[in-house]
Amino acid sequence: MKRSIAAVALAVLCAAPLSAGAAEIDIARIRCKDVLAHEEQLPLILMWVDGYMSAATDNTVFSEEWMARLATHMGVYCTTHPRNTVMEAMEAMPAEEE
């Protein structure tokens, strides 16, 4: 599992923006179909979503299990709702089961 985290980190560091030459990307405007068309950007988007959600809940813990759940959810949601935004996909993330 440590290798997968290292691979995600490397992909994030090496990732190019969704739009070539873009200095800024408004995540709220990115649609799922755009993410699916640029799958190499998924690790970067997932890290952003994780950070955004963590800040909203004041959570400072990084969890491999959570990232796996988030990646699965985002992949399934975006495949079935390609016209929705990444923010809508994030908001549809089921609450963590206890």
PDB file of N, CA and C in Angstrom:
ATOM      1  N   MET A   1       0.815  -1.185   0.000  1.00  0.00           N
ATOM      2  CA  MET A   1       0.000   0.000   0.000  1.00  0.00           C
ATOM      3  C   MET A   1       0.864   1.256   0.000  1.00  0.00           C
ATOM      4  N   LYS A   2       2.057   1.173   0.612  1.00  0.00           N
ATOM      5  CA  LYS A   2       2.944   2.327   0.628  1.00  0.00           C
ATOM      6  C   LYS A   2       3.362   2.717  -0.779  1.00  0.00           C
ATOM      7  N   ARG A   3       3.504   1.726  -1.651  1.00  0.00           N
ATOM      8  CA  ARG A   3       3.869   2.008  -3.035  1.00  0.00           C
ATOM      9  C   ARG A   3       2.760   2.775  -3.743  1.00  0.00           C
ATOM     10  N   SER A   4       1.493   2.426  -3.456  1.00  0.00           N
ATOM     11  CA  SER A   4       0.393   3.124  -4.118  1.00  0.00           C
ATOM     12  C   SER A   4       0.335   4.575  -3.666  1.00  0.00           C
ATOM     13  N   ILE A   5       0.613   4.841  -2.384  1.00  0.00           N
ATOM     14  CA  ILE A   5       0.629   6.219  -1.895  1.00  0.00           C
ATOM     15  C   ILE A   5       1.774   6.972  -2.557  1.00  0.00           C
ATOM     16  N   ALA A   6       2.925   6.330  -2.676  1.00  0.00           N
ATOM     17  CA  ALA A   6       4.061   6.968  -3.333  1.00  0.00           C
ATOM     18  C   ALA A   6       3.746   7.246  -4.801  1.00  0.00           C
ATOM     19  N   ALA A   7       3.055   6.320  -5.459  1.00  0.00           N
ATOM     20  CA  ALA A   7       2.681   6.515  -6.861  1.00  0.00           C
ATOM     21  C   ALA A   7       1.716   7.684  -7.011  1.00  0.00           C
ATOM     22  N   VAL A   8       0.751   7.787  -6.104  1.00  0.00           N
ATOM     23  CA  VAL A   8      -0.189   8.911  -6.146  1.00  0.00           C
ATOM     24  C   VAL A   8       0.553  10.216  -5.925  1.00  0.00           C
ATOM     25  N   ALA A   9       1.435  10.241  -4.941  1.00  0.00           N
ATOM     26  CA  ALA A   9       2.203  11.454  -4.656  1.00  0.00           C
ATOM     27  C   ALA A   9       3.043  11.859  -5.871  1.00  0.00           C
ATOM     28  N   LEU A  10       3.690  10.895  -6.506  1.00  0.00           N
ATOM     29  CA  LEU A  10       4.493  11.180  -7.684  1.00  0.00           C
ATOM     30  C   LEU A  10       3.614  11.697  -8.819  1.00  0.00           C
ATOM     31  N   ALA A  11       2.465  11.069  -9.014  1.00  0.00           N
ATOM     32  CA  ALA A  11       1.558  11.507 -10.068  1.00  0.00           C
ATOM     33  C   ALA A  11       1.087  12.932  -9.816  1.00  0.00           C
ATOM     34  N   VAL A  12       0.814  13.251  -8.559  1.00  0.00           N
ATOM     35  CA  VAL A  12       0.378  14.603  -8.218  1.00  0.00           C
ATOM     36  C   VAL A  12       1.476  15.602  -8.527  1.00  0.00           C
ATOM     37  N   LEU A  13       2.703  15.281  -8.167  1.00  0.00           N
ATOM     38  CA  LEU A  13       3.811  16.197  -8.390  1.00  0.00           C
ATOM     39  C   LEU A  13       4.121  16.388  -9.868  1.00  0.00           C
ATOM     40  N   CYS A  14       3.879  15.356 -10.664  1.00  0.00           N
ATOM     41  CA  CYS A  14       4.219  15.410 -12.080  1.00  0.00           C
ATOM     42  C   CYS A  14       3.045  15.798 -12.970  1.00  0.00           C
ATOM     43  N   ALA A  15       1.865  15.913 -12.399  1.00  0.00           N
ATOM     44  CA  ALA A  15       0.658  16.144 -13.195  1.00  0.00           C
ATOM     45  C   ALA A  15       0.671  17.517 -13.853  1.00  0.00           C
ATOM     46  N   ALA A  16       0.156  17.548 -15.087  1.00  0.00           N
ATOM     47  CA  ALA A  16      -0.032  18.813 -15.795  1.00  0.00           C
ATOM     48  C   ALA A  16      -1.475  19.261 -15.593  1.00  0.00           C
ATOM     49  N   PRO A  17      -1.745  20.550 -15.683  1.00  0.00           N
ATOM     50  CA  PRO A  17      -3.115  21.016 -15.501  1.00  0.00           C
ATOM     51  C   PRO A  17      -4.064  20.415 -16.533  1.00  0.00           C
ATOM     52  N   LEU A  18      -5.364  20.381 -16.215  1.00  0.00           N
ATOM     53  CA  LEU A  18      -6.370  19.859 -17.136  1.00  0.00           C
ATOM     54  C   LEU A  18      -6.344  20.601 -18.459  1.00  0.00           C
ATOM     55  N   SER A  19      -6.096  21.857 -18.408  1.00  0.00           N
ATOM     56  CA  SER A  19      -6.048  22.696 -19.597  1.00  0.00           C
ATOM     57  C   SER A  19      -4.601  23.125 -19.793  1.00  0.00           C
ATOM     58  N   ALA A  20      -4.008  22.744 -20.905  1.00  0.00           N
ATOM     59  CA  ALA A  20      -2.593  23.030 -21.133  1.00  0.00           C
ATOM     60  C   ALA A  20      -2.298  24.512 -20.962  1.00  0.00           C
ATOM     61  N   GLY A  21      -1.296  24.812 -20.164  1.00  0.00           N
ATOM     62  CA  GLY A  21      -0.882  26.182 -19.957  1.00  0.00           C
ATOM     63  C   GLY A  21      -1.708  26.943 -18.934  1.00  0.00           C
ATOM     64  N   ALA A  22      -2.681  26.313 -18.331  1.00  0.00           N
ATOM     65  CA  ALA A  22      -3.527  27.006 -17.358  1.00  0.00           C
ATOM     66  C   ALA A  22      -2.770  27.217 -16.058  1.00  0.00           C
ATOM     67  N   ALA A  23      -2.810  28.445 -15.557  1.00  0.00           N
ATOM     68  CA  ALA A  23      -2.153  28.748 -14.295  1.00  0.00           C
ATOM     69  C   ALA A  23      -3.072  28.445 -13.126  1.00  0.00           C
ATOM     70  N   GLU A  24      -4.375  28.582 -13.350  1.00  0.00           N
ATOM     71  CA  GLU A  24      -5.359  28.329 -12.308  1.00  0.00           C
ATOM     72  C   GLU A  24      -6.507  27.509 -12.881  1.00  0.00           C
ATOM     73  N   ILE A  25      -7.045  26.642 -12.037  1.00  0.00           N
ATOM     74  CA  ILE A  25      -8.194  25.822 -12.433  1.00  0.00           C
ATOM     75  C   ILE A  25      -9.245  25.963 -11.352  1.00  0.00           C
ATOM     76  N   ASP A  26     -10.454  26.325 -11.732  1.00  0.00           N
ATOM     77  CA  ASP A  26     -11.550  26.427 -10.776  1.00  0.00           C
ATOM     78  C   ASP A  26     -12.197  25.051 -10.657  1.00  0.00           C
ATOM     79  N   ILE A  27     -11.912  24.356  -9.570  1.00  0.00           N
ATOM     80  CA  ILE A  27     -12.416  23.001  -9.375  1.00  0.00           C
ATOM     81  C   ILE A  27     -13.943  22.969  -9.442  1.00  0.00           C
ATOM     82  N   ALA A  28     -14.590  24.031  -8.989  1.00  0.00           N
ATOM     83  CA  ALA A  28     -16.051  24.077  -8.984  1.00  0.00           C
ATOM     84  C   ALA A  28     -16.636  24.029 -10.392  1.00  0.00           C
ATOM     85  N   ARG A  29     -15.833  24.312 -11.389  1.00  0.00           N
ATOM     86  CA  ARG A  29     -16.335  24.326 -12.768  1.00  0.00           C
ATOM     87  C   ARG A  29     -15.966  23.083 -13.565  1.00  0.00           C
ATOM     88  N   ILE A  30     -15.117  22.226 -13.007  1.00  0.00           N
ATOM     89  CA  ILE A  30     -14.700  21.019 -13.724  1.00  0.00           C
ATOM     90  C   ILE A  30     -15.816  19.989 -13.659  1.00  0.00           C
ATOM     91  N   ARG A  31     -16.188  19.464 -14.789  1.00  0.00           N
ATOM     92  CA  ARG A  31     -17.238  18.446 -14.873  1.00  0.00           C
ATOM     93  C   ARG A  31     -16.591  17.056 -14.839  1.00  0.00           C
ATOM     94  N   CYS A  32     -17.371  16.104 -14.383  1.00  0.00           N
ATOM     95  CA  CYS A  32     -16.881  14.726 -14.298  1.00  0.00           C
ATOM     96  C   CYS A  32     -16.367  14.228 -15.642  1.00  0.00           C
ATOM     97  N   LYS A  33     -17.050  14.589 -16.731  1.00  0.00           N
ATOM     98  CA  LYS A  33     -16.610  14.125 -18.050  1.00  0.00           C
ATOM     99  C   LYS A  33     -15.213  14.639 -18.380  1.00  0.00           C
ATOM    100  N   ASP A  34     -14.872  15.839 -17.880  1.00  0.00           N
ATOM    101  CA  ASP A  34     -13.535  16.391 -18.116  1.00  0.00           C
ATOM    102  C   ASP A  34     -12.479  15.593 -17.353  1.00  0.00           C
ATOM    103  N   VAL A  35     -12.820  15.219 -16.120  1.00  0.00           N
ATOM    104  CA  VAL A  35     -11.901  14.406 -15.314  1.00  0.00           C
ATOM    105  C   VAL A  35     -11.700  13.050 -15.973  1.00  0.00           C
ATOM    106  N   LEU A  36     -12.796  12.446 -16.439  1.00  0.00           N
ATOM    107  CA  LEU A  36     -12.704  11.132 -17.080  1.00  0.00           C
ATOM    108  C   LEU A  36     -11.907  11.195 -18.381  1.00  0.00           C
ATOM    109  N   ALA A  37     -11.977  12.323 -19.066  1.00  0.00           N
ATOM    110  CA  ALA A  37     -11.222  12.488 -20.316  1.00  0.00           C
ATOM    111  C   ALA A  37      -9.733  12.690 -20.059  1.00  0.00           C
ATOM    112  N   HIS A  38      -9.390  13.081 -18.837  1.00  0.00           N
ATOM    113  CA  HIS A  38      -7.993  13.329 -18.465  1.00  0.00           C
ATOM    114  C   HIS A  38      -7.682  12.532 -17.200  1.00  0.00           C
ATOM    115  N   GLU A  39      -7.768  11.222 -17.289  1.00  0.00           N
ATOM    116  CA  GLU A  39      -7.596  10.361 -16.114  1.00  0.00           C
ATOM    117  C   GLU A  39      -6.265  10.561 -15.411  1.00  0.00           C
ATOM    118  N   GLU A  40      -5.272  11.048 -16.127  1.00  0.00           N
ATOM    119  CA  GLU A  40      -3.973  11.279 -15.493  1.00  0.00           C
ATOM    120  C   GLU A  40      -4.077  12.377 -14.431  1.00  0.00           C
ATOM    121  N   GLN A  41      -5.138  13.163 -14.480  1.00  0.00           N
ATOM    122  CA  GLN A  41      -5.357  14.228 -13.507  1.00  0.00           C
ATOM    123  C   GLN A  41      -6.091  13.754 -12.253  1.00  0.00           C
ATOM    124  N   LEU A  42      -6.641  12.548 -12.279  1.00  0.00           N
ATOM    125  CA  LEU A  42      -7.439  12.061 -11.156  1.00  0.00           C
ATOM    126  C   LEU A  42      -6.692  12.112  -9.820  1.00  0.00           C
ATOM    127  N   PRO A  43      -5.431  11.702  -9.738  1.00  0.00           N
ATOM    128  CA  PRO A  43      -4.744  11.803  -8.440  1.00  0.00           C
ATOM    129  C   PRO A  43      -4.684  13.230  -7.910  1.00  0.00           C
ATOM    130  N   LEU A  44      -4.449  14.187  -8.786  1.00  0.00           N
ATOM    131  CA  LEU A  44      -4.402  15.589  -8.380  1.00  0.00           C
ATOM    132  C   LEU A  44      -5.768  16.046  -7.877  1.00  0.00           C
ATOM    133  N   ILE A  45      -6.818  15.699  -8.602  1.00  0.00           N
ATOM    134  CA  ILE A  45      -8.181  16.063  -8.204  1.00  0.00           C
ATOM    135  C   ILE A  45      -8.526  15.409  -6.870  1.00  0.00           C
ATOM    136  N   LEU A  46      -8.182  14.136  -6.707  1.00  0.00           N
ATOM    137  CA  LEU A  46      -8.478  13.438  -5.449  1.00  0.00           C
ATOM    138  C   LEU A  46      -7.756  14.083  -4.277  1.00  0.00           C
ATOM    139  N   MET A  47      -6.521  14.473  -4.455  1.00  0.00           N
ATOM    140  CA  MET A  47      -5.786  15.122  -3.372  1.00  0.00           C
ATOM    141  C   MET A  47      -6.425  16.465  -3.022  1.00  0.00           C
ATOM    142  N   TRP A  48      -6.874  17.210  -4.048  1.00  0.00           N
ATOM    143  CA  TRP A  48      -7.533  18.482  -3.783  1.00  0.00           C
ATOM    144  C   TRP A  48      -8.830  18.255  -3.010  1.00  0.00           C
ATOM    145  N   VAL A  49      -9.643  17.298  -3.475  1.00  0.00           N
ATOM    146  CA  VAL A  49     -10.916  16.998  -2.813  1.00  0.00           C
ATOM    147  C   VAL A  49     -10.668  16.571  -1.367  1.00  0.00           C
ATOM    148  N   ASP A  50      -9.684  15.714  -1.151  1.00  0.00           N
ATOM    149  CA  ASP A  50      -9.365  15.277   0.209  1.00  0.00           C
ATOM    150  C   ASP A  50      -8.998  16.473   1.081  1.00  0.00           C
ATOM    151  N   GLY A  51      -8.170  17.351   0.577  1.00  0.00           N
ATOM    152  CA  GLY A  51      -7.780  18.534   1.334  1.00  0.00           C
ATOM    153  C   GLY A  51      -8.952  19.451   1.625  1.00  0.00           C
ATOM    154  N   TYR A  52      -9.798  19.644   0.637  1.00  0.00           N
ATOM    155  CA  TYR A  52     -10.974  20.496   0.800  1.00  0.00           C
ATOM    156  C   TYR A  52     -11.906  19.928   1.864  1.00  0.00           C
ATOM    157  N   MET A  53     -12.176  18.629   1.758  1.00  0.00           N
ATOM    158  CA  MET A  53     -13.076  17.983   2.716  1.00  0.00           C
ATOM    159  C   MET A  53     -12.444  17.946   4.112  1.00  0.00           C
ATOM    160  N   SER A  54     -11.149  17.730   4.175  1.00  0.00           N
ATOM    161  CA  SER A  54     -10.457  17.698   5.463  1.00  0.00           C
ATOM    162  C   SER A  54     -10.499  19.061   6.144  1.00  0.00           C
ATOM    163  N   ALA A  55     -10.322  20.114   5.365  1.00  0.00           N
ATOM    164  CA  ALA A  55     -10.387  21.461   5.940  1.00  0.00           C
ATOM    165  C   ALA A  55     -11.785  21.764   6.468  1.00  0.00           C
ATOM    166  N   ALA A  56     -12.806  21.308   5.742  1.00  0.00           N
ATOM    167  CA  ALA A  56     -14.191  21.569   6.152  1.00  0.00           C
ATOM    168  C   ALA A  56     -14.542  20.860   7.460  1.00  0.00           C
ATOM    169  N   THR A  57     -13.879  19.744   7.722  1.00  0.00           N
ATOM    170  CA  THR A  57     -14.184  18.972   8.930  1.00  0.00           C
ATOM    171  C   THR A  57     -13.079  19.066   9.976  1.00  0.00           C
ATOM    172  N   ASP A  58     -12.076  19.887   9.715  1.00  0.00           N
ATOM    173  CA  ASP A  58     -10.936  20.055  10.620  1.00  0.00           C
ATOM    174  C   ASP A  58     -10.236  18.720  10.899  1.00  0.00           C
ATOM    175  N   ASN A  59     -10.133  17.907   9.856  1.00  0.00           N
ATOM    176  CA  ASN A  59      -9.502  16.591   9.956  1.00  0.00           C
ATOM    177  C   ASN A  59      -8.083  16.685   9.405  1.00  0.00           C
ATOM    178  N   THR A  60      -7.108  16.350  10.214  1.00  0.00           N
ATOM    179  CA  THR A  60      -5.710  16.409   9.774  1.00  0.00           C
ATOM    180  C   THR A  60      -5.096  15.030   9.550  1.00  0.00           C
ATOM    181  N   VAL A  61      -5.930  13.998   9.546  1.00  0.00           N
ATOM    182  CA  VAL A  61      -5.443  12.623   9.400  1.00  0.00           C
ATOM    183  C   VAL A  61      -5.518  12.198   7.938  1.00  0.00           C
ATOM    184  N   PHE A  62      -4.407  11.647   7.427  1.00  0.00           N
ATOM    185  CA  PHE A  62      -4.398  11.070   6.090  1.00  0.00           C
ATOM    186  C   PHE A  62      -4.617   9.570   6.230  1.00  0.00           C
ATOM    187  N   SER A  63      -5.607   9.036   5.525  1.00  0.00           N
ATOM    188  CA  SER A  63      -5.946   7.629   5.628  1.00  0.00           C
ATOM    189  C   SER A  63      -5.953   6.979   4.250  1.00  0.00           C
ATOM    190  N   GLU A  64      -5.210   5.906   4.105  1.00  0.00           N
ATOM    191  CA  GLU A  64      -5.207   5.161   2.846  1.00  0.00           C
ATOM    192  C   GLU A  64      -6.590   4.590   2.558  1.00  0.00           C
ATOM    193  N   GLU A  65      -7.259   4.131   3.611  1.00  0.00           N
ATOM    194  CA  GLU A  65      -8.608   3.577   3.447  1.00  0.00           C
ATOM    195  C   GLU A  65      -9.567   4.651   2.923  1.00  0.00           C
ATOM    196  N   TRP A  66      -9.482   5.849   3.501  1.00  0.00           N
ATOM    197  CA  TRP A  66     -10.338   6.956   3.062  1.00  0.00           C
ATOM    198  C   TRP A  66     -10.057   7.314   1.605  1.00  0.00           C
ATOM    199  N   MET A  67      -8.784   7.396   1.231  1.00  0.00           N
ATOM    200  CA  MET A  67      -8.439   7.743  -0.146  1.00  0.00           C
ATOM    201  C   MET A  67      -8.959   6.687  -1.124  1.00  0.00           C
ATOM    202  N   ALA A  68      -8.918   5.419  -0.727  1.00  0.00           N
ATOM    203  CA  ALA A  68      -9.447   4.352  -1.578  1.00  0.00           C
ATOM    204  C   ALA A  68     -10.961   4.515  -1.740  1.00  0.00           C
ATOM    205  N   ARG A  69     -11.657   4.814  -0.640  1.00  0.00           N
ATOM    206  CA  ARG A  69     -13.107   5.036  -0.701  1.00  0.00           C
ATOM    207  C   ARG A  69     -13.435   6.252  -1.571  1.00  0.00           C
ATOM    208  N   LEU A  70     -12.675   7.315  -1.390  1.00  0.00           N
ATOM    209  CA  LEU A  70     -12.892   8.535  -2.159  1.00  0.00           C
ATOM    210  C   LEU A  70     -12.671   8.286  -3.649  1.00  0.00           C
ATOM    211  N   ALA A  71     -11.589   7.603  -3.986  1.00  0.00           N
ATOM    212  CA  ALA A  71     -11.289   7.303  -5.387  1.00  0.00           C
ATOM    213  C   ALA A  71     -12.379   6.448  -6.013  1.00  0.00           C
ATOM    214  N   THR A  72     -12.840   5.450  -5.284  1.00  0.00           N
ATOM    215  CA  THR A  72     -13.911   4.581  -5.790  1.00  0.00           C
ATOM    216  C   THR A  72     -15.180   5.386  -6.006  1.00  0.00           C
ATOM    217  N   HIS A  73     -15.547   6.182  -5.005  1.00  0.00           N
ATOM    218  CA  HIS A  73     -16.762   6.993  -5.118  1.00  0.00           C
ATOM    219  C   HIS A  73     -16.673   7.944  -6.305  1.00  0.00           C
ATOM    220  N   MET A  74     -15.579   8.684  -6.420  1.00  0.00           N
ATOM    221  CA  MET A  74     -15.442   9.658  -7.493  1.00  0.00           C
ATOM    222  C   MET A  74     -15.486   8.980  -8.863  1.00  0.00           C
ATOM    223  N   GLY A  75     -14.835   7.830  -8.983  1.00  0.00           N
ATOM    224  CA  GLY A  75     -14.849   7.104 -10.250  1.00  0.00           C
ATOM    225  C   GLY A  75     -16.239   6.640 -10.634  1.00  0.00           C
ATOM    226  N   VAL A  76     -16.942   6.043  -9.682  1.00  0.00           N
ATOM    227  CA  VAL A  76     -18.304   5.549  -9.957  1.00  0.00           C
ATOM    228  C   VAL A  76     -19.250   6.720 -10.218  1.00  0.00           C
ATOM    229  N   TYR A  77     -19.191   7.731  -9.362  1.00  0.00           N
ATOM    230  CA  TYR A  77     -20.092   8.879  -9.509  1.00  0.00           C
ATOM    231  C   TYR A  77     -19.874   9.574 -10.851  1.00  0.00           C
ATOM    232  N   CYS A  78     -18.623   9.841 -11.184  1.00  0.00           N
ATOM    233  CA  CYS A  78     -18.336  10.561 -12.425  1.00  0.00           C
ATOM    234  C   CYS A  78     -18.697   9.738 -13.664  1.00  0.00           C
ATOM    235  N   THR A  79     -18.566   8.443 -13.584  1.00  0.00           N
ATOM    236  CA  THR A  79     -18.943   7.593 -14.710  1.00  0.00           C
ATOM    237  C   THR A  79     -20.454   7.624 -14.927  1.00  0.00           C
ATOM    238  N   THR A  80     -21.204   7.657 -13.835  1.00  0.00           N
ATOM    239  CA  THR A  80     -22.672   7.635 -13.953  1.00  0.00           C
ATOM    240  C   THR A  80     -23.294   9.030 -14.048  1.00  0.00           C
ATOM    241  N   HIS A  81     -22.521  10.077 -13.739  1.00  0.00           N
ATOM    242  CA  HIS A  81     -23.016  11.460 -13.796  1.00  0.00           C
ATOM    243  C   HIS A  81     -21.988  12.360 -14.503  1.00  0.00           C
ATOM    244  N   PRO A  82     -21.689  12.097 -15.750  1.00  0.00           N
ATOM    245  CA  PRO A  82     -20.605  12.827 -16.425  1.00  0.00           C
ATOM    246  C   PRO A  82     -20.825  14.331 -16.555  1.00  0.00           C
ATOM    247  N   ARG A  83     -22.056  14.787 -16.527  1.00  0.00           N
ATOM    248  CA  ARG A  83     -22.337  16.220 -16.690  1.00  0.00           C
ATOM    249  C   ARG A  83     -22.251  16.986 -15.363  1.00  0.00           C
ATOM    250  N   ASN A  84     -22.198  16.258 -14.246  1.00  0.00           N
ATOM    251  CA  ASN A  84     -22.103  16.912 -12.942  1.00  0.00           C
ATOM    252  C   ASN A  84     -20.674  17.374 -12.696  1.00  0.00           C
ATOM    253  N   THR A  85     -20.533  18.289 -11.747  1.00  0.00           N
ATOM    254  CA  THR A  85     -19.209  18.825 -11.429  1.00  0.00           C
ATOM    255  C   THR A  85     -18.495  17.953 -10.397  1.00  0.00           C
ATOM    256  N   VAL A  86     -17.208  18.176 -10.283  1.00  0.00           N
ATOM    257  CA  VAL A  86     -16.413  17.486  -9.269  1.00  0.00           C
ATOM    258  C   VAL A  86     -16.944  17.838  -7.876  1.00  0.00           C
ATOM    259  N   MET A  87     -17.351  19.090  -7.700  1.00  0.00           N
ATOM    260  CA  MET A  87     -17.902  19.510  -6.411  1.00  0.00           C
ATOM    261  C   MET A  87     -19.188  18.742  -6.092  1.00  0.00           C
ATOM    262  N   GLU A  88     -20.026  18.518  -7.080  1.00  0.00           N
ATOM    263  CA  GLU A  88     -21.247  17.740  -6.863  1.00  0.00           C
ATOM    264  C   GLU A  88     -20.903  16.291  -6.512  1.00  0.00           C
ATOM    265  N   ALA A  89     -19.892  15.762  -7.161  1.00  0.00           N
ATOM    266  CA  ALA A  89     -19.446  14.403  -6.843  1.00  0.00           C
ATOM    267  C   ALA A  89     -18.947  14.337  -5.411  1.00  0.00           C
ATOM    268  N   MET A  90     -18.188  15.340  -5.011  1.00  0.00           N
ATOM    269  CA  MET A  90     -17.662  15.391  -3.652  1.00  0.00           C
ATOM    270  C   MET A  90     -18.804  15.490  -2.643  1.00  0.00           C
ATOM    271  N   GLU A  91     -19.781  16.340  -2.910  1.00  0.00           N
ATOM    272  CA  GLU A  91     -20.905  16.515  -1.998  1.00  0.00           C
ATOM    273  C   GLU A  91     -21.767  15.262  -1.885  1.00  0.00           C
ATOM    274  N   ALA A  92     -21.719  14.397  -2.900  1.00  0.00           N
ATOM    275  CA  ALA A  92     -22.501  13.153  -2.882  1.00  0.00           C
ATOM    276  C   ALA A  92     -21.767  12.007  -2.191  1.00  0.00           C
ATOM    277  N   MET A  93     -20.569  12.276  -1.677  1.00  0.00           N
ATOM    278  CA  MET A  93     -19.792  11.239  -0.981  1.00  0.00           C
ATOM    279  C   MET A  93     -20.565  10.788   0.240  1.00  0.00           C
ATOM    280  N   PRO A  94     -20.861   9.493   0.318  1.00  0.00           N
ATOM    281  CA  PRO A  94     -21.589   8.976   1.508  1.00  0.00           C
ATOM    282  C   PRO A  94     -20.790   9.204   2.787  1.00  0.00           C
ATOM    283  N   ALA A  95     -21.517   9.448   3.860  1.00  0.00           N
ATOM    284  CA  ALA A  95     -20.868   9.613   5.164  1.00  0.00           C
ATOM    285  C   ALA A  95     -20.148   8.337   5.531  1.00  0.00           C
ATOM    286  N   GLU A  96     -19.072   8.498   6.266  1.00  0.00           N
ATOM    287  CA  GLU A  96     -18.288   7.347   6.705  1.00  0.00           C
ATOM    288  C   GLU A  96     -19.114   6.480   7.652  1.00  0.00           C
ATOM    289  N   GLU A  97     -19.121   5.189   7.361  1.00  0.00           N
ATOM    290  CA  GLU A  97     -19.853   4.252   8.226  1.00  0.00           C
ATOM    291  C   GLU A  97     -19.071   4.022   9.500  1.00  0.00           C
ATOM    292  N   GLU A  98     -19.787   3.957  10.604  1.00  0.00           N
ATOM    293  CA  GLU A  98     -19.101   3.734  11.882  1.00  0.00           C
ATOM    294  C   GLU A  98     -19.400   2.377  12.428  1.00  0.00           C
TER     295      GLU A  98
END
